[in-house]
C-alpha atoms as a PDB file:
ATOM      1  CA  MET A   1      94.500  -1.485-226.076  1.00  0.00           C
ATOM      2  CA  LEU A   2      90.899  -1.926-225.008  1.00  0.00           C
ATOM      3  CA  PHE A   3      88.198  -0.089-226.869  1.00  0.00           C
ATOM      4  CA  VAL A   4      84.535  -0.447-226.062  1.00  0.00           C
ATOM      5  CA  PHE A   5      81.818   1.281-228.148  1.00  0.00           C
ATOM      6  CA  GLY A   6      78.739  -0.313-226.509  1.00  0.00           C
ATOM      7  CA  CYS A   7      77.509  -3.849-226.396  1.00  0.00           C
ATOM      8  CA  GLU A   8      73.785  -3.938-225.690  1.00  0.00           C
ATOM      9  CA  SER A   9      71.893  -6.361-227.901  1.00  0.00           C
ATOM     10  CA  SER A  10      69.168  -5.054-230.198  1.00  0.00           C
ATOM     11  CA  LYS A  11      65.869  -6.899-230.216  1.00  0.00           C
ATOM     12  CA  LYS A  12      64.809  -5.246-233.470  1.00  0.00           C
ATOM     13  CA  THR A  13      65.428  -7.062-236.811  1.00  0.00           C
ATOM     14  CA  VAL A  14      66.622  -4.891-239.602  1.00  0.00           C
ATOM     15  CA  GLU A  15      64.036  -5.224-242.369  1.00  0.00           C
ATOM     16  CA  THR A  16      65.355  -2.693-244.858  1.00  0.00           C
ATOM     17  CA  ALA A  17      68.769  -1.212-245.410  1.00  0.00           C
ATOM     18  CA  PRO A  18      69.168   2.524-245.302  1.00  0.00           C
ATOM     19  CA  GLU A  19      70.472   4.395-248.295  1.00  0.00           C
ATOM     20  CA  GLY A  20      74.116   3.660-248.982  1.00  0.00           C
ATOM     21  CA  SER A  21      74.296   0.415-247.062  1.00  0.00           C
ATOM     22  CA  LYS A  22      73.540  -3.276-247.211  1.00  0.00           C
ATOM     23  CA  VAL A  23      72.600  -5.017-243.953  1.00  0.00           C
ATOM     24  CA  VAL A  24      71.885  -8.741-243.315  1.00  0.00           C
ATOM     25  CA  VAL A  25      68.326  -9.252-242.071  1.00  0.00           C
ATOM     26  CA  ASP A  26      69.376 -10.242-238.540  1.00  0.00           C
ATOM     27  CA  SER A  27      69.425  -8.877-235.032  1.00  0.00           C
ATOM     28  CA  LEU A  28      72.636  -6.912-234.626  1.00  0.00           C
ATOM     29  CA  PRO A  29      74.195  -5.805-231.246  1.00  0.00           C
ATOM     30  CA  VAL A  30      73.745  -2.063-230.745  1.00  0.00           C
ATOM     31  CA  CYS A  31      77.522  -1.662-230.701  1.00  0.00           C
ATOM     32  CA  VAL A  32      77.780  -3.102-234.284  1.00  0.00           C
ATOM     33  CA  LYS A  33      75.092  -0.660-235.357  1.00  0.00           C
ATOM     34  CA  VAL A  34      77.034   2.193-233.771  1.00  0.00           C
ATOM     35  CA  LEU A  35      80.186   1.101-235.641  1.00  0.00           C
ATOM     36  CA  ILE A  36      78.236   0.974-238.958  1.00  0.00           C
ATOM     37  CA  GLU A  37      76.734   4.374-238.361  1.00  0.00           C
ATOM     38  CA  LYS A  38      80.188   5.768-237.612  1.00  0.00           C
ATOM     39  CA  ARG A  39      81.488   4.369-240.878  1.00  0.00           C
ATOM     40  CA  LYS A  40      78.519   5.759-242.779  1.00  0.00           C
ATOM     41  CA  SER A  41      79.292   9.252-241.457  1.00  0.00           C
ATOM     42  CA  GLU A  42      82.857   9.078-242.764  1.00  0.00           C
ATOM     43  CA  PRO A  43      83.965   9.570-246.336  1.00  0.00           C
ATOM     44  CA  VAL A  44      83.583   6.609-248.714  1.00  0.00           C
ATOM     45  CA  THR A  45      86.596   4.290-248.733  1.00  0.00           C
ATOM     46  CA  ASN A  46      88.145   2.264-251.449  1.00  0.00           C
ATOM     47  CA  PRO A  47      87.662  -0.585-250.940  1.00  0.00           C
ATOM     48  CA  PRO A  48      84.265  -0.064-249.413  1.00  0.00           C
ATOM     49  CA  SER A  49      83.841  -0.482-245.656  1.00  0.00           C
ATOM     50  CA  LYS A  50      82.438  -3.800-244.469  1.00  0.00           C
ATOM     51  CA  VAL A  51      81.552  -5.523-241.261  1.00  0.00           C
ATOM     52  CA  PHE A  52      81.556  -9.354-240.913  1.00  0.00           C
ATOM     53  CA  SER A  53      80.761 -11.803-238.226  1.00  0.00           C
ATOM     54  CA  TYR A  54      82.606 -15.124-237.698  1.00  0.00           C
ATOM     55  CA  ILE A  55      82.884 -17.898-235.153  1.00  0.00           C
ATOM     56  CA  TYR A  56      86.497 -17.916-233.970  1.00  0.00           C
ATOM     57  CA  ASN A  57      87.765 -20.282-231.293  1.00  0.00           C
ATOM     58  CA  GLY A  58      84.121 -21.203-230.564  1.00  0.00           C
ATOM     59  CA  LYS A  59      82.977 -17.615-230.036  1.00  0.00           C
ATOM     60  CA  LYS A  60      81.227 -14.985-232.115  1.00  0.00           C
ATOM     61  CA  VAL A  61      83.517 -12.230-233.288  1.00  0.00           C
ATOM     62  CA  PHE A  62      83.047  -9.121-235.457  1.00  0.00           C
ATOM     63  CA  TYR A  63      85.686  -8.372-238.108  1.00  0.00           C
ATOM     64  CA  VAL A  64      86.194  -4.951-239.771  1.00  0.00           C
ATOM     65  CA  PRO A  65      88.670  -5.161-242.670  1.00  0.00           C
ATOM     66  CA  ALA A  66      91.227  -2.384-243.127  1.00  0.00           C
ATOM     67  CA  VAL A  67      90.080   0.290-245.623  1.00  0.00           C
ATOM     68  CA  CYS A  68      93.522   1.244-246.867  1.00  0.00           C
ATOM     69  CA  CYS A  69      97.070   0.232-247.272  1.00  0.00           C
ATOM     70  CA  ASP A  70      99.220  -0.430-244.192  1.00  0.00           C
ATOM     71  CA  MET A  71      96.281  -0.051-241.826  1.00  0.00           C
ATOM     72  CA  PHE A  72      95.133  -2.778-239.375  1.00  0.00           C
ATOM     73  CA  SER A  73      91.876  -4.590-239.603  1.00  0.00           C
ATOM     74  CA  ASP A  74      89.947  -4.783-236.284  1.00  0.00           C
ATOM     75  CA  LEU A  75      88.566  -7.865-234.494  1.00  0.00           C
ATOM     76  CA  TYR A  76      86.014  -7.432-231.772  1.00  0.00           C
ATOM     77  CA  ASN A  77      84.635 -10.023-229.334  1.00  0.00           C
ATOM     78  CA  ASP A  78      80.884 -10.636-228.752  1.00  0.00           C
ATOM     79  CA  SER A  79      80.970  -7.910-226.149  1.00  0.00           C
ATOM     80  CA  CYS A  80      82.346  -5.525-228.756  1.00  0.00           C
ATOM     81  CA  ARG A  81      85.748  -5.190-227.070  1.00  0.00           C
ATOM     82  CA  LEU A  82      88.629  -4.769-229.427  1.00  0.00           C
ATOM     83  CA  MET A  83      90.580  -8.020-229.330  1.00  0.00           C
ATOM     84  CA  GLY A  84      93.309  -6.882-231.780  1.00  0.00           C
ATOM     85  CA  HIS A  85      94.311  -6.867-235.421  1.00  0.00           C
ATOM     86  CA  PRO A  86      94.429 -10.175-237.308  1.00  0.00           C
ATOM     87  CA  ASP A  87      95.819  -8.648-240.545  1.00  0.00           C
ATOM     88  CA  GLY A  88      96.979  -5.417-242.175  1.00  0.00           C
ATOM     89  CA  GLY A  89      99.569  -3.051-241.074  1.00  0.00           C
ATOM     90  CA  PHE A  90     103.040  -2.680-242.618  1.00  0.00           C
ATOM     91  CA  THR A  91     103.684  -6.468-242.755  1.00  0.00           C
ATOM     92  CA  GLY A  92     100.160  -7.448-243.573  1.00  0.00           C
ATOM     93  CA  ARG A  93     100.144  -9.805-240.646  1.00  0.00           C
ATOM     94  CA  GLY A  94      98.347  -7.563-238.191  1.00  0.00           C
ATOM     95  CA  ASP A  95      99.585  -7.315-234.587  1.00  0.00           C
ATOM     96  CA  GLY A  96     100.782 -10.939-234.653  1.00  0.00           C
ATOM     97  CA  ASN A  97      98.341 -12.206-232.092  1.00  0.00           C
ATOM     98  CA  PHE A  98      95.874 -13.888-234.533  1.00  0.00           C
ATOM     99  CA  ALA A  99      98.104 -15.866-236.979  1.00  0.00           C
ATOM    100  CA  ASP A 100      95.425 -18.582-237.216  1.00  0.00           C
ATOM    101  CA  PHE A 101      92.469 -16.279-237.797  1.00  0.00           C
ATOM    102  CA  ASP A 102      92.185 -16.955-241.575  1.00  0.00           C
ATOM    103  CA  THR A 103      92.320 -20.717-241.140  1.00  0.00           C
ATOM    104  CA  ALA A 104      90.297 -20.951-237.883  1.00  0.00           C
ATOM    105  CA  LYS A 105      87.453 -18.582-238.563  1.00  0.00           C
ATOM    106  CA  LYS A 106      84.087 -20.143-239.607  1.00  0.00           C
ATOM    107  CA  GLY A 107      80.558 -19.130-240.537  1.00  0.00           C
ATOM    108  CA  GLU A 108      81.352 -15.890-242.340  1.00  0.00           C
ATOM    109  CA  LYS A 109      78.366 -13.472-242.484  1.00  0.00           C
ATOM    110  CA  LEU A 110      78.556 -10.100-244.155  1.00  0.00           C
ATOM    111  CA  LEU A 111      76.648  -7.823-241.788  1.00  0.00           C
ATOM    112  CA  TRP A 112      77.156  -4.601-243.697  1.00  0.00           C
ATOM    113  CA  ALA A 113      78.809  -3.294-246.863  1.00  0.00           C
ATOM    114  CA  ASP A 114      78.963   0.360-247.764  1.00  0.00           C
ATOM    115  CA  THR A 115      77.328   0.744-251.209  1.00  0.00           C
ATOM    116  CA  ARG A 116      77.881   4.508-251.538  1.00  0.00           C
ATOM    117  CA  LYS A 117      79.813   5.748-254.508  1.00  0.00           C
END
């Protein structure tokens, strides 16, 4: 499956986080901002929604953990194309295509965490 939700880079640095969110002070691609805005428009999840960035196999990726049981997490490349699901689902092992994700990922950065109650 291929999903693209936009990938233009943003030149603007986020200085302050809007109500109900926590954002790293860093330039974020527009597509990541769109993903965050989409999550903020949805009901609060337990655990709270988060978006991380990592370096995986030498490339920047964006990771969105599953928000509930038996759901997949999502892994996007630096062009914001859905690469697959490294964990979650019924088995907890995702789609099986990223068995090394937990051990190979580096440089974790929390880009956003939903702080709404």
